[in-house]
Amino acid sequence: MKFISLHINFNEKRYELNSIFGMLLEFENKNANKTIIMPPKVIEALEYCNKPYTLTKIESVGKKKLSVIQKYKLSTYANLLTSINKLNFYLVKFFSNIGKPIFDNATNSILFFRNNMPSAIQNDLCLPRSLFAASTSILFKEKGVIFIGVSLPSNTMHAWIIEDGKQPDQFDSKWINFQPVAAIY
């Protein structure tokens, strides 16, 4: 997956997300005219982040029948991403590329992740959940973008997906409070 750092200007500072360490970097706003080239699907998804009322409602979700072996492999993969996420931002992005698309869309991927990870820690798992969904969704490659956002001035961060004009995580309502600072597609 490819990474784009989207800079944000706030209180005469420019903020960018470092693609290797996943840290929010703060700069003096001298180079504010930095041009970022983005593919059309990122531009479209960014418009949905800026105008969330234009998002399409999620249809009813059909549960995919998975074999015991598939469930085990997917659960192991979700645990791997969660564990690596605690260690290194670059490594979790790298290991997210080993997932195979098995679900029709990110909504089904996210539901599987949420059903197989402890619910008490779901708020801390936004990045591994988004990467898991992106790597196991068939539709994501063509029509999906992961955003990492920041809530300034607190520097609190959150990750979410926009896929085919939808925000596929029906339990994530806090994404709307964050301004995108990076995109992974």
C-alpha atoms as a PDB file:
ATOM      1  CA  MET A   1       0.000   0.000   0.000  1.00  0.00           C
ATOM      2  CA  LYS A   2       1.145   3.512  -0.745  1.00  0.00           C
ATOM      3  CA  PHE A   3       1.431   6.325   1.810  1.00  0.00           C
ATOM      4  CA  ILE A   4       0.800  10.049   1.309  1.00  0.00           C
ATOM      5  CA  SER A   5       1.436  12.606   4.014  1.00  0.00           C
ATOM      6  CA  LEU A   6      -1.187  15.353   3.866  1.00  0.00           C
ATOM      7  CA  HIS A   7       0.023  18.472   5.584  1.00  0.00           C
ATOM      8  CA  ILE A   8      -2.233  20.456   7.904  1.00  0.00           C
ATOM      9  CA  ASN A   9      -1.823  24.089   8.808  1.00  0.00           C
ATOM     10  CA  PHE A  10      -2.876  25.060  12.318  1.00  0.00           C
ATOM     11  CA  ASN A  11      -1.875  28.061  14.462  1.00  0.00           C
ATOM     12  CA  GLU A  12       0.874  29.106  12.040  1.00  0.00           C
ATOM     13  CA  LYS A  13       2.410  25.619  12.141  1.00  0.00           C
ATOM     14  CA  ARG A  14       2.438  22.855   9.540  1.00  0.00           C
ATOM     15  CA  TYR A  15       1.862  19.253  10.659  1.00  0.00           C
ATOM     16  CA  GLU A  16       2.825  16.103   8.761  1.00  0.00           C
ATOM     17  CA  LEU A  17       2.844  12.421   9.619  1.00  0.00           C
ATOM     18  CA  ASN A  18       6.205  10.674   9.316  1.00  0.00           C
ATOM     19  CA  SER A  19       5.797   7.588   7.100  1.00  0.00           C
ATOM     20  CA  ILE A  20       8.402   5.507   8.935  1.00  0.00           C
ATOM     21  CA  PHE A  21       7.769   6.195  12.617  1.00  0.00           C
ATOM     22  CA  GLY A  22       4.125   7.302  12.439  1.00  0.00           C
ATOM     23  CA  MET A  23       4.908  10.405  14.470  1.00  0.00           C
ATOM     24  CA  LEU A  24       3.212  13.730  13.956  1.00  0.00           C
ATOM     25  CA  LEU A  25       5.873  16.274  13.012  1.00  0.00           C
ATOM     26  CA  GLU A  26       5.483  20.007  13.542  1.00  0.00           C
ATOM     27  CA  PHE A  27       7.177  22.598  11.302  1.00  0.00           C
ATOM     28  CA  GLU A  28       7.234  26.339  11.014  1.00  0.00           C
ATOM     29  CA  ASN A  29       4.778  27.310   8.294  1.00  0.00           C
ATOM     30  CA  LYS A  30       7.415  28.630   5.856  1.00  0.00           C
ATOM     31  CA  ASN A  31       6.886  25.950   3.170  1.00  0.00           C
ATOM     32  CA  ALA A  32       3.111  26.057   3.169  1.00  0.00           C
ATOM     33  CA  ASN A  33       2.880  25.912  -0.643  1.00  0.00           C
ATOM     34  CA  LYS A  34       4.014  22.285  -0.825  1.00  0.00           C
ATOM     35  CA  THR A  35       2.117  20.512  -3.633  1.00  0.00           C
ATOM     36  CA  ILE A  36       0.900  16.964  -3.064  1.00  0.00           C
ATOM     37  CA  ILE A  37      -0.006  14.784  -6.037  1.00  0.00           C
ATOM     38  CA  MET A  38      -2.867  12.442  -5.174  1.00  0.00           C
ATOM     39  CA  PRO A  39      -4.668   9.781  -7.199  1.00  0.00           C
ATOM     40  CA  PRO A  40      -8.363  10.409  -7.932  1.00  0.00           C
ATOM     41  CA  LYS A  41      -9.625   7.873  -5.371  1.00  0.00           C
ATOM     42  CA  VAL A  42      -7.762   9.687  -2.570  1.00  0.00           C
ATOM     43  CA  ILE A  43      -9.135  13.056  -3.686  1.00  0.00           C
ATOM     44  CA  GLU A  44     -12.666  11.623  -3.783  1.00  0.00           C
ATOM     45  CA  ALA A  45     -12.319   9.986  -0.350  1.00  0.00           C
ATOM     46  CA  LEU A  46     -10.886  13.218   1.088  1.00  0.00           C
ATOM     47  CA  GLU A  47     -14.012  15.031  -0.115  1.00  0.00           C
ATOM     48  CA  TYR A  48     -16.111  12.547   1.866  1.00  0.00           C
ATOM     49  CA  CYS A  49     -14.010  13.300   4.962  1.00  0.00           C
ATOM     50  CA  ASN A  50     -14.587  17.022   4.452  1.00  0.00           C
ATOM     51  CA  LYS A  51     -18.317  16.529   3.738  1.00  0.00           C
ATOM     52  CA  PRO A  52     -19.362  13.445   5.729  1.00  0.00           C
ATOM     53  CA  TYR A  53     -23.041  14.127   5.112  1.00  0.00           C
ATOM     54  CA  THR A  54     -22.485  13.026   1.486  1.00  0.00           C
ATOM     55  CA  LEU A  55     -21.509   9.478   2.520  1.00  0.00           C
ATOM     56  CA  THR A  56     -23.750   6.614   1.436  1.00  0.00           C
ATOM     57  CA  LYS A  57     -25.405   4.513   4.121  1.00  0.00           C
ATOM     58  CA  ILE A  58     -23.986   1.027   4.697  1.00  0.00           C
ATOM     59  CA  GLU A  59     -26.280  -1.697   3.345  1.00  0.00           C
ATOM     60  CA  SER A  60     -27.157  -4.702   5.418  1.00  0.00           C
ATOM     61  CA  VAL A  61     -24.152  -6.941   5.812  1.00  0.00           C
ATOM     62  CA  GLY A  62     -24.179 -10.585   4.857  1.00  0.00           C
ATOM     63  CA  LYS A  63     -21.929 -12.815   6.916  1.00  0.00           C
ATOM     64  CA  LYS A  64     -19.433 -14.732   4.810  1.00  0.00           C
ATOM     65  CA  LYS A  65     -19.143 -18.426   5.524  1.00  0.00           C
ATOM     66  CA  LEU A  66     -15.559 -19.139   6.471  1.00  0.00           C
ATOM     67  CA  SER A  67     -13.920 -22.458   7.145  1.00  0.00           C
ATOM     68  CA  VAL A  68     -12.314 -23.093  10.518  1.00  0.00           C
ATOM     69  CA  ILE A  69      -8.890 -22.802   8.891  1.00  0.00           C
ATOM     70  CA  GLN A  70      -9.778 -19.454   7.263  1.00  0.00           C
ATOM     71  CA  LYS A  71     -11.079 -18.104  10.586  1.00  0.00           C
ATOM     72  CA  TYR A  72      -7.914 -19.250  12.328  1.00  0.00           C
ATOM     73  CA  LYS A  73      -5.647 -17.665   9.694  1.00  0.00           C
ATOM     74  CA  LEU A  74      -7.600 -14.396   9.726  1.00  0.00           C
ATOM     75  CA  SER A  75      -7.600 -14.270  13.544  1.00  0.00           C
ATOM     76  CA  THR A  76      -3.860 -14.951  13.599  1.00  0.00           C
ATOM     77  CA  TYR A  77      -3.318 -12.216  10.997  1.00  0.00           C
ATOM     78  CA  ALA A  78      -5.418  -9.733  13.025  1.00  0.00           C
ATOM     79  CA  ASN A  79      -3.414 -10.583  16.165  1.00  0.00           C
ATOM     80  CA  LEU A  80      -0.154 -10.163  14.231  1.00  0.00           C
ATOM     81  CA  LEU A  81      -1.136  -6.683  13.041  1.00  0.00           C
ATOM     82  CA  THR A  82      -2.256  -5.708  16.540  1.00  0.00           C
ATOM     83  CA  SER A  83       1.005  -6.908  18.099  1.00  0.00           C
ATOM     84  CA  ILE A  84       3.245  -5.288  15.503  1.00  0.00           C
ATOM     85  CA  ASN A  85       1.302  -2.023  15.748  1.00  0.00           C
ATOM     86  CA  LYS A  86       2.595  -1.652  19.316  1.00  0.00           C
ATOM     87  CA  LEU A  87       6.176  -1.891  18.054  1.00  0.00           C
ATOM     88  CA  ASN A  88       6.534   0.026  14.814  1.00  0.00           C
ATOM     89  CA  PHE A  89       4.354   1.982  12.391  1.00  0.00           C
ATOM     90  CA  TYR A  90       6.409   1.044   9.314  1.00  0.00           C
ATOM     91  CA  LEU A  91       6.358  -2.677  10.151  1.00  0.00           C
ATOM     92  CA  VAL A  92       2.586  -2.792  10.619  1.00  0.00           C
ATOM     93  CA  LYS A  93       2.160  -1.104   7.203  1.00  0.00           C
ATOM     94  CA  PHE A  94       4.618  -3.597   5.689  1.00  0.00           C
ATOM     95  CA  PHE A  95       2.927  -6.666   7.220  1.00  0.00           C
ATOM     96  CA  SER A  96      -0.490  -5.431   6.158  1.00  0.00           C
ATOM     97  CA  ASN A  97       0.546  -6.295   2.600  1.00  0.00           C
ATOM     98  CA  ILE A  98       0.536 -10.041   3.343  1.00  0.00           C
ATOM     99  CA  GLY A  99      -3.235 -10.190   3.810  1.00  0.00           C
ATOM    100  CA  LYS A 100      -5.284 -11.721   1.008  1.00  0.00           C
ATOM    101  CA  PRO A 101      -8.605 -10.216  -0.069  1.00  0.00           C
ATOM    102  CA  ILE A 102     -11.306 -12.593   1.130  1.00  0.00           C
ATOM    103  CA  PHE A 103     -14.226 -10.336   2.114  1.00  0.00           C
ATOM    104  CA  ASP A 104     -16.347  -8.490  -0.432  1.00  0.00           C
ATOM    105  CA  ASN A 105     -15.832  -5.128   1.272  1.00  0.00           C
ATOM    106  CA  ALA A 106     -14.269  -3.440   4.281  1.00  0.00           C
ATOM    107  CA  THR A 107     -17.532  -3.547   6.229  1.00  0.00           C
ATOM    108  CA  ASN A 108     -17.368  -7.343   6.410  1.00  0.00           C
ATOM    109  CA  SER A 109     -13.628  -7.236   7.197  1.00  0.00           C
ATOM    110  CA  ILE A 110     -14.165  -4.805  10.063  1.00  0.00           C
ATOM    111  CA  LEU A 111     -17.014  -6.876  11.498  1.00  0.00           C
ATOM    112  CA  PHE A 112     -14.792  -9.969  11.480  1.00  0.00           C
ATOM    113  CA  PHE A 113     -11.995  -8.018  13.194  1.00  0.00           C
ATOM    114  CA  ARG A 114     -14.333  -6.580  15.833  1.00  0.00           C
ATOM    115  CA  ASN A 115     -15.875  -9.999  16.529  1.00  0.00           C
ATOM    116  CA  ASN A 116     -12.476 -11.642  16.994  1.00  0.00           C
ATOM    117  CA  MET A 117     -10.644  -9.036  19.069  1.00  0.00           C
ATOM    118  CA  PRO A 118     -11.471  -8.051  22.653  1.00  0.00           C
ATOM    119  CA  SER A 119     -14.062  -5.279  22.651  1.00  0.00           C
ATOM    120  CA  ALA A 120     -12.471  -3.533  25.641  1.00  0.00           C
ATOM    121  CA  ILE A 121      -9.486  -2.440  23.558  1.00  0.00           C
ATOM    122  CA  GLN A 122     -11.223  -1.662  20.241  1.00  0.00           C
ATOM    123  CA  ASN A 123     -10.619   2.104  20.587  1.00  0.00           C
ATOM    124  CA  ASP A 124      -6.859   1.472  20.612  1.00  0.00           C
ATOM    125  CA  LEU A 125      -6.992  -0.754  17.536  1.00  0.00           C
ATOM    126  CA  CYS A 126      -8.093   1.714  14.866  1.00  0.00           C
ATOM    127  CA  LEU A 127      -4.916   1.407  12.751  1.00  0.00           C
ATOM    128  CA  PRO A 128      -4.586  -2.409  12.811  1.00  0.00           C
ATOM    129  CA  ARG A 129      -8.358  -2.702  12.219  1.00  0.00           C
ATOM    130  CA  SER A 130      -8.149  -0.361   9.215  1.00  0.00           C
ATOM    131  CA  LEU A 131      -5.089  -2.121   7.792  1.00  0.00           C
ATOM    132  CA  PHE A 132      -6.709  -5.529   8.328  1.00  0.00           C
ATOM    133  CA  ALA A 133      -9.863  -4.377   6.564  1.00  0.00           C
ATOM    134  CA  ALA A 134      -7.907  -2.832   3.696  1.00  0.00           C
ATOM    135  CA  SER A 135      -5.833  -5.938   3.104  1.00  0.00           C
ATOM    136  CA  THR A 136      -8.721  -8.411   3.325  1.00  0.00           C
ATOM    137  CA  SER A 137     -11.330  -6.417   1.354  1.00  0.00           C
ATOM    138  CA  ILE A 138     -11.687  -7.101  -2.360  1.00  0.00           C
ATOM    139  CA  LEU A 139     -13.253  -3.683  -3.011  1.00  0.00           C
ATOM    140  CA  PHE A 140     -10.593  -1.683  -1.117  1.00  0.00           C
ATOM    141  CA  LYS A 141      -7.875  -1.910  -3.772  1.00  0.00           C
ATOM    142  CA  GLU A 142     -10.096  -0.211  -6.316  1.00  0.00           C
ATOM    143  CA  LYS A 143     -12.208   2.143  -4.186  1.00  0.00           C
ATOM    144  CA  GLY A 144     -10.744   2.433  -0.675  1.00  0.00           C
ATOM    145  CA  VAL A 145      -8.470   4.751   1.282  1.00  0.00           C
ATOM    146  CA  ILE A 146      -7.274   4.612   4.882  1.00  0.00           C
ATOM    147  CA  PHE A 147      -6.976   7.983   6.553  1.00  0.00           C
ATOM    148  CA  ILE A 148      -4.968   8.786   9.631  1.00  0.00           C
ATOM    149  CA  GLY A 149      -6.259  11.924  11.246  1.00  0.00           C
ATOM    150  CA  VAL A 150      -5.277  14.224  14.056  1.00  0.00           C
ATOM    151  CA  SER A 151      -7.323  16.305  16.443  1.00  0.00           C
ATOM    152  CA  LEU A 152      -5.351  19.490  16.965  1.00  0.00           C
ATOM    153  CA  PRO A 153      -4.210  20.950  19.310  1.00  0.00           C
ATOM    154  CA  SER A 154      -4.421  17.727  21.360  1.00  0.00           C
ATOM    155  CA  ASN A 155      -2.376  15.623  18.857  1.00  0.00           C
ATOM    156  CA  THR A 156      -4.762  12.690  19.416  1.00  0.00           C
ATOM    157  CA  MET A 157      -4.754  10.445  16.348  1.00  0.00           C
ATOM    158  CA  HIS A 158      -7.239   8.041  14.774  1.00  0.00           C
ATOM    159  CA  ALA A 159      -7.408   5.849  11.642  1.00  0.00           C
ATOM    160  CA  TRP A 160     -10.471   5.048   9.546  1.00  0.00           C
ATOM    161  CA  ILE A 161     -11.463   3.896   6.061  1.00  0.00           C
ATOM    162  CA  ILE A 162     -13.517   5.467   3.308  1.00  0.00           C
ATOM    163  CA  GLU A 163     -14.483   2.829   0.746  1.00  0.00           C
ATOM    164  CA  ASP A 164     -16.783   3.356  -2.230  1.00  0.00           C
ATOM    165  CA  GLY A 165     -18.420   6.444  -0.722  1.00  0.00           C
ATOM    166  CA  LYS A 166     -19.007   4.803   2.663  1.00  0.00           C
ATOM    167  CA  GLN A 167     -17.387   4.762   6.075  1.00  0.00           C
ATOM    168  CA  PRO A 168     -17.581   0.978   6.569  1.00  0.00           C
ATOM    169  CA  ASP A 169     -17.121   0.828  10.350  1.00  0.00           C
ATOM    170  CA  GLN A 170     -20.615   1.252  11.756  1.00  0.00           C
ATOM    171  CA  PHE A 171     -19.250   1.441  15.328  1.00  0.00           C
ATOM    172  CA  ASP A 172     -16.751   4.230  14.629  1.00  0.00           C
ATOM    173  CA  SER A 173     -18.372   7.608  15.057  1.00  0.00           C
ATOM    174  CA  LYS A 174     -15.363   9.527  16.320  1.00  0.00           C
ATOM    175  CA  TRP A 175     -13.528   9.671  12.976  1.00  0.00           C
ATOM    176  CA  ILE A 176     -15.504  12.770  12.086  1.00  0.00           C
ATOM    177  CA  ASN A 177     -13.595  14.729  14.788  1.00  0.00           C
ATOM    178  CA  PHE A 178     -10.224  14.181  13.104  1.00  0.00           C
ATOM    179  CA  GLN A 179      -8.572  16.027  10.245  1.00  0.00           C
ATOM    180  CA  PRO A 180      -6.753  13.743   7.762  1.00  0.00           C
ATOM    181  CA  VAL A 181      -2.977  14.074   7.997  1.00  0.00           C
ATOM    182  CA  ALA A 182      -2.078  10.956   5.966  1.00  0.00           C
ATOM    183  CA  ALA A 183      -3.640   8.594   3.452  1.00  0.00           C
ATOM    184  CA  ILE A 184      -2.804   4.958   2.741  1.00  0.00           C
ATOM    185  CA  TYR A 185      -4.208   3.450  -0.430  1.00  0.00           C
END
